[in-house]
Amino acid sequence: MNQEKKALLDKTYQDFMMIGFNLTNMDKLGQIVSSDIMGFGTAADERFFSLAQLQHILKVQENQSAGVHINWESTPLHRHISSDENSAVYVDDVRLKIDTGTDTLNMDLRFSVVLEYLD
């Protein structure tokens, strides 16, 4: 994979993670996510089958986390790039730390993303 395409892949993944953990605004989500995205969060009601549904879930999470400090560390677990170099699977172990000011919650999560390169 050429370095420019690899850098774009890594940046897209990092941007997606930053938006997903409400560490940056959602403005560029439509630029990096397909309108027919599909995904599942950790809670039963965190299912989305469109960009609009993902944006709604992220907005709800943003409202729920107001006044809370969130820190996360991501450790790559697996990376797979297809032979045509147009799709990739990223799997990370994520350590999430939520500090409410009075309590601290630590959660270990597995985060998996399938990325597809589109013109």
PDB file of N, CA and C in Angstrom:
ATOM      1  N   MET A   1       0.860  -1.171   0.000  1.00  0.00           N
ATOM      2  CA  MET A   1       0.000   0.000   0.000  1.00  0.00           C
ATOM      3  C   MET A   1       0.906   1.233   0.000  1.00  0.00           C
ATOM      4  N   ASN A   2       0.580   2.188  -0.878  1.00  0.00           N
ATOM      5  CA  ASN A   2       1.423   3.381  -0.913  1.00  0.00           C
ATOM      6  C   ASN A   2       1.211   4.192   0.370  1.00  0.00           C
ATOM      7  N   GLN A   3       2.211   4.984   0.689  1.00  0.00           N
ATOM      8  CA  GLN A   3       2.213   5.710   1.964  1.00  0.00           C
ATOM      9  C   GLN A   3       1.069   6.712   2.074  1.00  0.00           C
ATOM     10  N   GLU A   4       0.700   7.344   0.969  1.00  0.00           N
ATOM     11  CA  GLU A   4      -0.392   8.319   1.005  1.00  0.00           C
ATOM     12  C   GLU A   4      -1.720   7.645   1.346  1.00  0.00           C
ATOM     13  N   LYS A   5      -1.979   6.499   0.739  1.00  0.00           N
ATOM     14  CA  LYS A   5      -3.224   5.771   1.011  1.00  0.00           C
ATOM     15  C   LYS A   5      -3.224   5.225   2.440  1.00  0.00           C
ATOM     16  N   LYS A   6      -2.081   4.732   2.902  1.00  0.00           N
ATOM     17  CA  LYS A   6      -1.963   4.222   4.273  1.00  0.00           C
ATOM     18  C   LYS A   6      -2.193   5.347   5.279  1.00  0.00           C
ATOM     19  N   ALA A   7      -1.627   6.514   5.018  1.00  0.00           N
ATOM     20  CA  ALA A   7      -1.805   7.652   5.917  1.00  0.00           C
ATOM     21  C   ALA A   7      -3.275   8.074   5.961  1.00  0.00           C
ATOM     22  N   LEU A   8      -3.955   8.062   4.818  1.00  0.00           N
ATOM     23  CA  LEU A   8      -5.372   8.401   4.761  1.00  0.00           C
ATOM     24  C   LEU A   8      -6.198   7.383   5.547  1.00  0.00           C
ATOM     25  N   LEU A   9      -5.870   6.119   5.416  1.00  0.00           N
ATOM     26  CA  LEU A   9      -6.559   5.063   6.159  1.00  0.00           C
ATOM     27  C   LEU A   9      -6.413   5.278   7.662  1.00  0.00           C
ATOM     28  N   ASP A  10      -5.192   5.494   8.113  1.00  0.00           N
ATOM     29  CA  ASP A  10      -4.945   5.689   9.546  1.00  0.00           C
ATOM     30  C   ASP A  10      -5.612   6.965  10.066  1.00  0.00           C
ATOM     31  N   LYS A  11      -5.564   8.046   9.281  1.00  0.00           N
ATOM     32  CA  LYS A  11      -6.183   9.302   9.702  1.00  0.00           C
ATOM     33  C   LYS A  11      -7.701   9.155   9.777  1.00  0.00           C
ATOM     34  N   THR A  12      -8.292   8.489   8.816  1.00  0.00           N
ATOM     35  CA  THR A  12      -9.742   8.270   8.822  1.00  0.00           C
ATOM     36  C   THR A  12     -10.148   7.489  10.062  1.00  0.00           C
ATOM     37  N   TYR A  13      -9.390   6.455  10.386  1.00  0.00           N
ATOM     38  CA  TYR A  13      -9.688   5.661  11.573  1.00  0.00           C
ATOM     39  C   TYR A  13      -9.572   6.516  12.842  1.00  0.00           C
ATOM     40  N   GLN A  14      -8.508   7.280  12.962  1.00  0.00           N
ATOM     41  CA  GLN A  14      -8.324   8.119  14.142  1.00  0.00           C
ATOM     42  C   GLN A  14      -9.421   9.184  14.243  1.00  0.00           C
ATOM     43  N   ASP A  15      -9.773   9.797  13.114  1.00  0.00           N
ATOM     44  CA  ASP A  15     -10.862  10.779  13.119  1.00  0.00           C
ATOM     45  C   ASP A  15     -12.164  10.138  13.587  1.00  0.00           C
ATOM     46  N   PHE A  16     -12.444   8.937  13.098  1.00  0.00           N
ATOM     47  CA  PHE A  16     -13.669   8.231  13.486  1.00  0.00           C
ATOM     48  C   PHE A  16     -13.673   7.952  14.986  1.00  0.00           C
ATOM     49  N   MET A  17     -12.549   7.514  15.515  1.00  0.00           N
ATOM     50  CA  MET A  17     -12.453   7.243  16.952  1.00  0.00           C
ATOM     51  C   MET A  17     -12.639   8.530  17.767  1.00  0.00           C
ATOM     52  N   MET A  18     -12.011   9.603  17.355  1.00  0.00           N
ATOM     53  CA  MET A  18     -12.127  10.875  18.081  1.00  0.00           C
ATOM     54  C   MET A  18     -13.574  11.364  18.090  1.00  0.00           C
ATOM     55  N   ILE A  19     -14.258  11.246  16.965  1.00  0.00           N
ATOM     56  CA  ILE A  19     -15.666  11.640  16.904  1.00  0.00           C
ATOM     57  C   ILE A  19     -16.501  10.699  17.761  1.00  0.00           C
ATOM     58  N   GLY A  20     -16.241   9.413  17.678  1.00  0.00           N
ATOM     59  CA  GLY A  20     -17.010   8.412  18.426  1.00  0.00           C
ATOM     60  C   GLY A  20     -16.915   8.570  19.927  1.00  0.00           C
ATOM     61  N   PHE A  21     -15.783   9.049  20.414  1.00  0.00           N
ATOM     62  CA  PHE A  21     -15.612   9.268  21.849  1.00  0.00           C
ATOM     63  C   PHE A  21     -15.880  10.717  22.236  1.00  0.00           C
ATOM     64  N   ASN A  22     -16.540  11.450  21.345  1.00  0.00           N
ATOM     65  CA  ASN A  22     -16.932  12.846  21.590  1.00  0.00           C
ATOM     66  C   ASN A  22     -15.748  13.727  21.974  1.00  0.00           C
ATOM     67  N   LEU A  23     -14.589  13.468  21.378  1.00  0.00           N
ATOM     68  CA  LEU A  23     -13.415  14.271  21.666  1.00  0.00           C
ATOM     69  C   LEU A  23     -13.215  15.360  20.618  1.00  0.00           C
ATOM     70  N   THR A  24     -14.020  15.333  19.583  1.00  0.00           N
ATOM     71  CA  THR A  24     -14.048  16.384  18.570  1.00  0.00           C
ATOM     72  C   THR A  24     -15.451  16.414  17.993  1.00  0.00           C
ATOM     73  N   ASN A  25     -15.806  17.501  17.334  1.00  0.00           N
ATOM     74  CA  ASN A  25     -17.177  17.614  16.849  1.00  0.00           C
ATOM     75  C   ASN A  25     -17.429  16.708  15.643  1.00  0.00           C
ATOM     76  N   MET A  26     -18.698  16.542  15.317  1.00  0.00           N
ATOM     77  CA  MET A  26     -19.123  15.609  14.273  1.00  0.00           C
ATOM     78  C   MET A  26     -19.091  16.203  12.874  1.00  0.00           C
ATOM     79  N   ASP A  27     -18.606  17.401  12.713  1.00  0.00           N
ATOM     80  CA  ASP A  27     -18.697  18.100  11.428  1.00  0.00           C
ATOM     81  C   ASP A  27     -18.168  17.295  10.249  1.00  0.00           C
ATOM     82  N   LYS A  28     -17.065  16.589  10.419  1.00  0.00           N
ATOM     83  CA  LYS A  28     -16.480  15.881   9.285  1.00  0.00           C
ATOM     84  C   LYS A  28     -16.957  14.435   9.158  1.00  0.00           C
ATOM     85  N   LEU A  29     -17.902  14.018  10.003  1.00  0.00           N
ATOM     86  CA  LEU A  29     -18.376  12.632   9.958  1.00  0.00           C
ATOM     87  C   LEU A  29     -18.890  12.259   8.571  1.00  0.00           C
ATOM     88  N   GLY A  30     -19.654  13.143   7.949  1.00  0.00           N
ATOM     89  CA  GLY A  30     -20.194  12.873   6.617  1.00  0.00           C
ATOM     90  C   GLY A  30     -19.132  12.741   5.540  1.00  0.00           C
ATOM     91  N   GLN A  31     -17.926  13.254   5.803  1.00  0.00           N
ATOM     92  CA  GLN A  31     -16.826  13.157   4.842  1.00  0.00           C
ATOM     93  C   GLN A  31     -16.078  11.838   4.939  1.00  0.00           C
ATOM     94  N   ILE A  32     -16.173  11.175   6.094  1.00  0.00           N
ATOM     95  CA  ILE A  32     -15.387   9.946   6.278  1.00  0.00           C
ATOM     96  C   ILE A  32     -16.254   8.701   6.423  1.00  0.00           C
ATOM     97  N   VAL A  33     -17.580   8.881   6.499  1.00  0.00           N
ATOM     98  CA  VAL A  33     -18.485   7.755   6.723  1.00  0.00           C
ATOM     99  C   VAL A  33     -19.475   7.672   5.574  1.00  0.00           C
ATOM    100  N   SER A  34     -19.689   6.474   5.089  1.00  0.00           N
ATOM    101  CA  SER A  34     -20.667   6.240   4.034  1.00  0.00           C
ATOM    102  C   SER A  34     -22.076   6.465   4.575  1.00  0.00           C
ATOM    103  N   SER A  35     -22.974   6.947   3.742  1.00  0.00           N
ATOM    104  CA  SER A  35     -24.355   7.204   4.183  1.00  0.00           C
ATOM    105  C   SER A  35     -25.068   5.920   4.597  1.00  0.00           C
ATOM    106  N   ASP A  36     -24.603   4.771   4.125  1.00  0.00           N
ATOM    107  CA  ASP A  36     -25.240   3.505   4.497  1.00  0.00           C
ATOM    108  C   ASP A  36     -24.422   2.722   5.531  1.00  0.00           C
ATOM    109  N   ILE A  37     -23.763   3.454   6.426  1.00  0.00           N
ATOM    110  CA  ILE A  37     -22.995   2.830   7.506  1.00  0.00           C
ATOM    111  C   ILE A  37     -23.892   1.942   8.356  1.00  0.00           C
ATOM    112  N   MET A  38     -23.322   0.931   8.953  1.00  0.00           N
ATOM    113  CA  MET A  38     -24.040   0.036   9.854  1.00  0.00           C
ATOM    114  C   MET A  38     -23.118  -0.249  11.029  1.00  0.00           C
ATOM    115  N   GLY A  39     -23.689  -0.264  12.250  1.00  0.00           N
ATOM    116  CA  GLY A  39     -22.857  -0.562  13.403  1.00  0.00           C
ATOM    117  C   GLY A  39     -23.660  -0.859  14.644  1.00  0.00           C
ATOM    118  N   PHE A  40     -22.959  -1.376  15.637  1.00  0.00           N
ATOM    119  CA  PHE A  40     -23.559  -1.753  16.909  1.00  0.00           C
ATOM    120  C   PHE A  40     -22.659  -1.271  18.027  1.00  0.00           C
ATOM    121  N   GLY A  41     -23.262  -0.589  19.011  1.00  0.00           N
ATOM    122  CA  GLY A  41     -22.523  -0.127  20.176  1.00  0.00           C
ATOM    123  C   GLY A  41     -22.590  -1.157  21.288  1.00  0.00           C
ATOM    124  N   THR A  42     -22.257  -0.729  22.484  1.00  0.00           N
ATOM    125  CA  THR A  42     -22.245  -1.648  23.622  1.00  0.00           C
ATOM    126  C   THR A  42     -23.618  -1.799  24.267  1.00  0.00           C
ATOM    127  N   ALA A  43     -24.484  -0.801  24.143  1.00  0.00           N
ATOM    128  CA  ALA A  43     -25.826  -0.875  24.726  1.00  0.00           C
ATOM    129  C   ALA A  43     -26.809  -1.446  23.699  1.00  0.00           C
ATOM    130  N   ALA A  44     -27.880  -2.046  24.183  1.00  0.00           N
ATOM    131  CA  ALA A  44     -28.855  -2.698  23.308  1.00  0.00           C
ATOM    132  C   ALA A  44     -29.473  -1.742  22.299  1.00  0.00           C
ATOM    133  N   ASP A  45     -29.626  -0.475  22.663  1.00  0.00           N
ATOM    134  CA  ASP A  45     -30.260   0.479  21.749  1.00  0.00           C
ATOM    135  C   ASP A  45     -29.261   1.196  20.840  1.00  0.00           C
ATOM    136  N   GLU A  46     -28.001   0.826  20.911  1.00  0.00           N
ATOM    137  CA  GLU A  46     -26.982   1.453  20.077  1.00  0.00           C
ATOM    138  C   GLU A  46     -26.782   0.644  18.797  1.00  0.00           C
ATOM    139  N   ARG A  47     -27.771   0.765  17.920  1.00  0.00           N
ATOM    140  CA  ARG A  47     -27.724   0.123  16.611  1.00  0.00           C
ATOM    141  C   ARG A  47     -28.008   1.201  15.584  1.00  0.00           C
ATOM    142  N   PHE A  48     -27.228   1.223  14.540  1.00  0.00           N
ATOM    143  CA  PHE A  48     -27.473   2.227  13.517  1.00  0.00           C
ATOM    144  C   PHE A  48     -27.268   1.627  12.137  1.00  0.00           C
ATOM    145  N   PHE A  49     -28.093   2.096  11.214  1.00  0.00           N
ATOM    146  CA  PHE A  49     -28.087   1.600   9.849  1.00  0.00           C
ATOM    147  C   PHE A  49     -28.050   2.750   8.841  1.00  0.00           C
ATOM    148  N   SER A  50     -27.629   3.912   9.306  1.00  0.00           N
ATOM    149  CA  SER A  50     -27.477   5.071   8.426  1.00  0.00           C
ATOM    150  C   SER A  50     -26.604   6.100   9.130  1.00  0.00           C
ATOM    151  N   LEU A  51     -26.101   7.028   8.360  1.00  0.00           N
ATOM    152  CA  LEU A  51     -25.304   8.114   8.923  1.00  0.00           C
ATOM    153  C   LEU A  51     -26.136   8.938   9.896  1.00  0.00           C
ATOM    154  N   ALA A  52     -27.396   9.197   9.549  1.00  0.00           N
ATOM    155  CA  ALA A  52     -28.270   9.985  10.422  1.00  0.00           C
ATOM    156  C   ALA A  52     -28.480   9.295  11.769  1.00  0.00           C
ATOM    157  N   GLN A  53     -28.644   7.982  11.765  1.00  0.00           N
ATOM    158  CA  GLN A  53     -28.821   7.252  13.027  1.00  0.00           C
ATOM    159  C   GLN A  53     -27.553   7.285  13.864  1.00  0.00           C
ATOM    160  N   LEU A  54     -26.390   7.167  13.218  1.00  0.00           N
ATOM    161  CA  LEU A  54     -25.125   7.274  13.959  1.00  0.00           C
ATOM    162  C   LEU A  54     -24.986   8.660  14.574  1.00  0.00           C
ATOM    163  N   GLN A  55     -25.301   9.694  13.808  1.00  0.00           N
ATOM    164  CA  GLN A  55     -25.227  11.047  14.331  1.00  0.00           C
ATOM    165  C   GLN A  55     -26.157  11.230  15.525  1.00  0.00           C
ATOM    166  N   HIS A  56     -27.339  10.635  15.469  1.00  0.00           N
ATOM    167  CA  HIS A  56     -28.274  10.717  16.594  1.00  0.00           C
ATOM    168  C   HIS A  56     -27.692  10.053  17.841  1.00  0.00           C
ATOM    169  N   ILE A  57     -27.140   8.865  17.690  1.00  0.00           N
ATOM    170  CA  ILE A  57     -26.546   8.154  18.827  1.00  0.00           C
ATOM    171  C   ILE A  57     -25.402   8.974  19.418  1.00  0.00           C
ATOM    172  N   LEU A  58     -24.558   9.536  18.571  1.00  0.00           N
ATOM    173  CA  LEU A  58     -23.440  10.335  19.067  1.00  0.00           C
ATOM    174  C   LEU A  58     -23.922  11.584  19.793  1.00  0.00           C
ATOM    175  N   LYS A  59     -25.003  12.187  19.313  1.00  0.00           N
ATOM    176  CA  LYS A  59     -25.564  13.367  19.979  1.00  0.00           C
ATOM    177  C   LYS A  59     -26.115  12.988  21.358  1.00  0.00           C
ATOM    178  N   VAL A  60     -26.813  11.853  21.443  1.00  0.00           N
ATOM    179  CA  VAL A  60     -27.325  11.379  22.734  1.00  0.00           C
ATOM    180  C   VAL A  60     -26.162  11.135  23.695  1.00  0.00           C
ATOM    181  N   GLN A  61     -25.096  10.476  23.214  1.00  0.00           N
ATOM    182  CA  GLN A  61     -23.932  10.221  24.056  1.00  0.00           C
ATOM    183  C   GLN A  61     -23.269  11.523  24.503  1.00  0.00           C
ATOM    184  N   GLU A  62     -23.215  12.492  23.600  1.00  0.00           N
ATOM    185  CA  GLU A  62     -22.634  13.793  23.951  1.00  0.00           C
ATOM    186  C   GLU A  62     -23.434  14.458  25.075  1.00  0.00           C
ATOM    187  N   ASN A  63     -24.750  14.413  24.969  1.00  0.00           N
ATOM    188  CA  ASN A  63     -25.608  14.997  26.006  1.00  0.00           C
ATOM    189  C   ASN A  63     -25.466  14.246  27.322  1.00  0.00           C
ATOM    190  N   GLN A  64     -25.379  12.919  27.269  1.00  0.00           N
ATOM    191  CA  GLN A  64     -25.251  12.113  28.480  1.00  0.00           C
ATOM    192  C   GLN A  64     -23.910  12.326  29.167  1.00  0.00           C
ATOM    193  N   SER A  65     -22.897  12.708  28.410  1.00  0.00           N
ATOM    194  CA  SER A  65     -21.563  12.828  28.992  1.00  0.00           C
ATOM    195  C   SER A  65     -21.190  14.276  29.330  1.00  0.00           C
ATOM    196  N   ALA A  66     -22.156  15.166  29.292  1.00  0.00           N
ATOM    197  CA  ALA A  66     -21.887  16.566  29.651  1.00  0.00           C
ATOM    198  C   ALA A  66     -21.350  16.635  31.082  1.00  0.00           C
ATOM    199  N   GLY A  67     -20.253  17.334  31.273  1.00  0.00           N
ATOM    200  CA  GLY A  67     -19.656  17.483  32.602  1.00  0.00           C
ATOM    201  C   GLY A  67     -18.802  16.305  33.028  1.00  0.00           C
ATOM    202  N   VAL A  68     -18.626  15.350  32.152  1.00  0.00           N
ATOM    203  CA  VAL A  68     -17.854  14.143  32.456  1.00  0.00           C
ATOM    204  C   VAL A  68     -16.568  14.179  31.627  1.00  0.00           C
ATOM    205  N   HIS A  69     -15.463  13.792  32.231  1.00  0.00           N
ATOM    206  CA  HIS A  69     -14.188  13.733  31.509  1.00  0.00           C
ATOM    207  C   HIS A  69     -13.966  12.299  31.043  1.00  0.00           C
ATOM    208  N   ILE A  70     -13.749  12.143  29.739  1.00  0.00           N
ATOM    209  CA  ILE A  70     -13.536  10.814  29.165  1.00  0.00           C
ATOM    210  C   ILE A  70     -12.126  10.733  28.598  1.00  0.00           C
ATOM    211  N   ASN A  71     -11.436   9.668  28.948  1.00  0.00           N
ATOM    212  CA  ASN A  71     -10.106   9.397  28.429  1.00  0.00           C
ATOM    213  C   ASN A  71     -10.108   7.975  27.893  1.00  0.00           C
ATOM    214  N   TRP A  72      -9.417   7.753  26.795  1.00  0.00           N
ATOM    215  CA  TRP A  72      -9.356   6.410  26.252  1.00  0.00           C
ATOM    216  C   TRP A  72      -7.976   6.120  25.698  1.00  0.00           C
ATOM    217  N   GLU A  73      -7.610   4.869  25.804  1.00  0.00           N
ATOM    218  CA  GLU A  73      -6.358   4.381  25.235  1.00  0.00           C
ATOM    219  C   GLU A  73      -6.708   3.214  24.335  1.00  0.00           C
ATOM    220  N   SER A  74      -6.152   3.232  23.151  1.00  0.00           N
ATOM    221  CA  SER A  74      -6.443   2.196  22.174  1.00  0.00           C
ATOM    222  C   SER A  74      -5.178   1.405  21.879  1.00  0.00           C
ATOM    223  N   THR A  75      -5.284   0.093  21.948  1.00  0.00           N
ATOM    224  CA  THR A  75      -4.160  -0.783  21.638  1.00  0.00           C
ATOM    225  C   THR A  75      -4.541  -1.634  20.433  1.00  0.00           C
ATOM    226  N   PRO A  76      -3.824  -1.483  19.309  1.00  0.00           N
ATOM    227  CA  PRO A  76      -4.144  -2.292  18.140  1.00  0.00           C
ATOM    228  C   PRO A  76      -4.046  -3.783  18.459  1.00  0.00           C
ATOM    229  N   LEU A  77      -5.067  -4.508  18.068  1.00  0.00           N
ATOM    230  CA  LEU A  77      -5.111  -5.943  18.291  1.00  0.00           C
ATOM    231  C   LEU A  77      -4.919  -6.701  16.979  1.00  0.00           C
ATOM    232  N   HIS A  78      -5.538  -6.170  15.914  1.00  0.00           N
ATOM    233  CA  HIS A  78      -5.453  -6.832  14.612  1.00  0.00           C
ATOM    234  C   HIS A  78      -5.689  -5.808  13.513  1.00  0.00           C
ATOM    235  N   ARG A  79      -4.942  -5.925  12.446  1.00  0.00           N
ATOM    236  CA  ARG A  79      -5.135  -5.117  11.249  1.00  0.00           C
ATOM    237  C   ARG A  79      -5.109  -6.063  10.052  1.00  0.00           C
ATOM    238  N   HIS A  80      -6.074  -5.889   9.164  1.00  0.00           N
ATOM    239  CA  HIS A  80      -6.078  -6.666   7.928  1.00  0.00           C
ATOM    240  C   HIS A  80      -6.433  -5.734   6.784  1.00  0.00           C
ATOM    241  N   ILE A  81      -5.607  -5.730   5.768  1.00  0.00           N
ATOM    242  CA  ILE A  81      -5.873  -4.948   4.566  1.00  0.00           C
ATOM    243  C   ILE A  81      -6.070  -5.937   3.425  1.00  0.00           C
ATOM    244  N   SER A  82      -7.158  -5.756   2.680  1.00  0.00           N
ATOM    245  CA  SER A  82      -7.484  -6.674   1.584  1.00  0.00           C
ATOM    246  C   SER A  82      -6.395  -6.635   0.509  1.00  0.00           C
ATOM    247  N   SER A  83      -6.338  -7.669  -0.296  1.00  0.00           N
ATOM    248  CA  SER A  83      -5.303  -7.762  -1.327  1.00  0.00           C
ATOM    249  C   SER A  83      -5.422  -6.646  -2.366  1.00  0.00           C
ATOM    250  N   ASP A  84      -6.635  -6.131  -2.600  1.00  0.00           N
ATOM    251  CA  ASP A  84      -6.779  -5.012  -3.537  1.00  0.00           C
ATOM    252  C   ASP A  84      -6.560  -3.663  -2.853  1.00  0.00           C
ATOM    253  N   GLU A  85      -6.311  -3.685  -1.554  1.00  0.00           N
ATOM    254  CA  GLU A  85      -6.001  -2.514  -0.733  1.00  0.00           C
ATOM    255  C   GLU A  85      -7.130  -1.492  -0.675  1.00  0.00           C
ATOM    256  N   ASN A  86      -8.362  -1.940  -0.878  1.00  0.00           N
ATOM    257  CA  ASN A  86      -9.506  -1.033  -0.831  1.00  0.00           C
ATOM    258  C   ASN A  86     -10.407  -1.257   0.365  1.00  0.00           C
ATOM    259  N   SER A  87     -10.076  -2.217   1.205  1.00  0.00           N
ATOM    260  CA  SER A  87     -10.819  -2.388   2.448  1.00  0.00           C
ATOM    261  C   SER A  87      -9.860  -2.859   3.537  1.00  0.00           C
ATOM    262  N   ALA A  88     -10.254  -2.554   4.767  1.00  0.00           N
ATOM    263  CA  ALA A  88      -9.398  -2.896   5.903  1.00  0.00           C
ATOM    264  C   ALA A  88     -10.264  -3.185   7.113  1.00  0.00           C
ATOM    265  N   VAL A  89      -9.779  -4.058   7.966  1.00  0.00           N
ATOM    266  CA  VAL A  89     -10.421  -4.352   9.241  1.00  0.00           C
ATOM    267  C   VAL A  89      -9.447  -3.928  10.329  1.00  0.00           C
ATOM    268  N   TYR A  90      -9.919  -3.074  11.230  1.00  0.00           N
ATOM    269  CA  TYR A  90      -9.142  -2.633  12.377  1.00  0.00           C
ATOM    270  C   TYR A  90      -9.851  -3.151  13.627  1.00  0.00           C
ATOM    271  N   VAL A  91      -9.103  -3.814  14.481  1.00  0.00           N
ATOM    272  CA  VAL A  91      -9.639  -4.292  15.754  1.00  0.00           C
ATOM    273  C   VAL A  91      -8.689  -3.807  16.850  1.00  0.00           C
ATOM    274  N   ASP A  92      -9.260  -3.125  17.842  1.00  0.00           N
ATOM    275  CA  ASP A  92      -8.468  -2.584  18.949  1.00  0.00           C
ATOM    276  C   ASP A  92      -9.067  -2.999  20.279  1.00  0.00           C
ATOM    277  N   ASP A  93      -8.206  -3.148  21.271  1.00  0.00           N
ATOM    278  CA  ASP A  93      -8.646  -3.176  22.655  1.00  0.00           C
ATOM    279  C   ASP A  93      -8.650  -1.730  23.119  1.00  0.00           C
ATOM    280  N   VAL A  94      -9.734  -1.308  23.737  1.00  0.00           N
ATOM    281  CA  VAL A  94      -9.876   0.073  24.187  1.00  0.00           C
ATOM    282  C   VAL A  94     -10.101   0.089  25.686  1.00  0.00           C
ATOM    283  N   ARG A  95      -9.330   0.909  26.379  1.00  0.00           N
ATOM    284  CA  ARG A  95      -9.497   1.131  27.813  1.00  0.00           C
ATOM    285  C   ARG A  95     -10.131   2.500  27.954  1.00  0.00           C
ATOM    286  N   LEU A  96     -11.366   2.522  28.426  1.00  0.00           N
ATOM    287  CA  LEU A  96     -12.130   3.749  28.571  1.00  0.00           C
ATOM    288  C   LEU A  96     -12.177   4.133  30.043  1.00  0.00           C
ATOM    289  N   LYS A  97     -11.842   5.385  30.325  1.00  0.00           N
ATOM    290  CA  LYS A  97     -11.882   5.889  31.697  1.00  0.00           C
ATOM    291  C   LYS A  97     -12.841   7.072  31.723  1.00  0.00           C
ATOM    292  N   ILE A  98     -13.874   6.972  32.545  1.00  0.00           N
ATOM    293  CA  ILE A  98     -14.879   8.018  32.666  1.00  0.00           C
ATOM    294  C   ILE A  98     -14.794   8.581  34.074  1.00  0.00           C
ATOM    295  N   ASP A  99     -14.477   9.877  34.161  1.00  0.00           N
ATOM    296  CA  ASP A  99     -14.328  10.547  35.452  1.00  0.00           C
ATOM    297  C   ASP A  99     -15.454  11.558  35.609  1.00  0.00           C
ATOM    298  N   THR A 100     -16.326  11.329  36.590  1.00  0.00           N
ATOM    299  CA  THR A 100     -17.467  12.213  36.814  1.00  0.00           C
ATOM    300  C   THR A 100     -17.138  13.344  37.787  1.00  0.00           C
ATOM    301  N   GLY A 101     -15.962  13.293  38.358  1.00  0.00           N
ATOM    302  CA  GLY A 101     -15.599  14.271  39.390  1.00  0.00           C
ATOM    303  C   GLY A 101     -15.720  13.663  40.777  1.00  0.00           C
ATOM    304  N   THR A 102     -16.666  12.748  40.945  1.00  0.00           N
ATOM    305  CA  THR A 102     -16.827  12.051  42.223  1.00  0.00           C
ATOM    306  C   THR A 102     -16.542  10.561  42.085  1.00  0.00           C
ATOM    307  N   ASP A 103     -16.720  10.026  40.903  1.00  0.00           N
ATOM    308  CA  ASP A 103     -16.476   8.610  40.654  1.00  0.00           C
ATOM    309  C   ASP A 103     -15.671   8.438  39.366  1.00  0.00           C
ATOM    310  N   THR A 104     -14.961   7.310  39.301  1.00  0.00           N
ATOM    311  CA  THR A 104     -14.221   6.960  38.088  1.00  0.00           C
ATOM    312  C   THR A 104     -14.633   5.557  37.679  1.00  0.00           C
ATOM    313  N   LEU A 105     -14.987   5.431  36.428  1.00  0.00           N
ATOM    314  CA  LEU A 105     -15.388   4.141  35.867  1.00  0.00           C
ATOM    315  C   LEU A 105     -14.383   3.753  34.798  1.00  0.00           C
ATOM    316  N   ASN A 106     -13.831   2.544  34.900  1.00  0.00           N
ATOM    317  CA  ASN A 106     -12.926   2.007  33.891  1.00  0.00           C
ATOM    318  C   ASN A 106     -13.638   0.866  33.169  1.00  0.00           C
ATOM    319  N   MET A 107     -13.573   0.906  31.851  1.00  0.00           N
ATOM    320  CA  MET A 107     -14.203  -0.147  31.047  1.00  0.00           C
ATOM    321  C   MET A 107     -13.216  -0.625  29.992  1.00  0.00           C
ATOM    322  N   ASP A 108     -13.160  -1.922  29.808  1.00  0.00           N
ATOM    323  CA  ASP A 108     -12.363  -2.499  28.732  1.00  0.00           C
ATOM    324  C   ASP A 108     -13.323  -2.917  27.623  1.00  0.00           C
ATOM    325  N   LEU A 109     -13.045  -2.436  26.417  1.00  0.00           N
ATOM    326  CA  LEU A 109     -13.908  -2.679  25.277  1.00  0.00           C
ATOM    327  C   LEU A 109     -13.103  -3.254  24.123  1.00  0.00           C
ATOM    328  N   ARG A 110     -13.775  -3.910  23.231  1.00  0.00           N
ATOM    329  CA  ARG A 110     -13.170  -4.293  21.959  1.00  0.00           C
ATOM    330  C   ARG A 110     -13.865  -3.458  20.907  1.00  0.00           C
ATOM    331  N   PHE A 111     -13.102  -2.829  20.038  1.00  0.00           N
ATOM    332  CA  PHE A 111     -13.651  -1.951  19.012  1.00  0.00           C
ATOM    333  C   PHE A 111     -13.201  -2.467  17.653  1.00  0.00           C
ATOM    334  N   SER A 112     -14.161  -2.758  16.788  1.00  0.00           N
ATOM    335  CA  SER A 112     -13.861  -3.276  15.455  1.00  0.00           C
ATOM    336  C   SER A 112     -14.499  -2.380  14.406  1.00  0.00           C
ATOM    337  N   VAL A 113     -13.740  -2.094  13.351  1.00  0.00           N
ATOM    338  CA  VAL A 113     -14.215  -1.239  12.271  1.00  0.00           C
ATOM    339  C   VAL A 113     -13.786  -1.844  10.943  1.00  0.00           C
ATOM    340  N   VAL A 114     -14.708  -1.851   9.996  1.00  0.00           N
ATOM    341  CA  VAL A 114     -14.381  -2.222   8.630  1.00  0.00           C
ATOM    342  C   VAL A 114     -14.399  -0.938   7.813  1.00  0.00           C
ATOM    343  N   LEU A 115     -13.284  -0.665   7.154  1.00  0.00           N
ATOM    344  CA  LEU A 115     -13.151   0.544   6.356  1.00  0.00           C
ATOM    345  C   LEU A 115     -13.048   0.160   4.875  1.00  0.00           C
ATOM    346  N   GLU A 116     -13.683   0.958   4.039  1.00  0.00           N
ATOM    347  CA  GLU A 116     -13.619   0.717   2.595  1.00  0.00           C
ATOM    348  C   GLU A 116     -13.199   1.999   1.913  1.00  0.00           C
ATOM    349  N   TYR A 117     -12.214   1.889   1.040  1.00  0.00           N
ATOM    350  CA  TYR A 117     -11.742   3.053   0.311  1.00  0.00           C
ATOM    351  C   TYR A 117     -12.672   3.320  -0.857  1.00  0.00           C
ATOM    352  N   LEU A 118     -13.248   4.509  -0.883  1.00  0.00           N
ATOM    353  CA  LEU A 118     -14.120   4.936  -1.968  1.00  0.00           C
ATOM    354  C   LEU A 118     -13.555   6.222  -2.556  1.00  0.00           C
ATOM    355  N   ASP A 119     -13.692   6.389  -3.844  1.00  0.00           N
ATOM    356  CA  ASP A 119     -13.200   7.615  -4.475  1.00  0.00           C
ATOM    357  C   ASP A 119     -13.872   8.808  -3.850  1.00  0.00           C
TER     358      ASP A 119
END
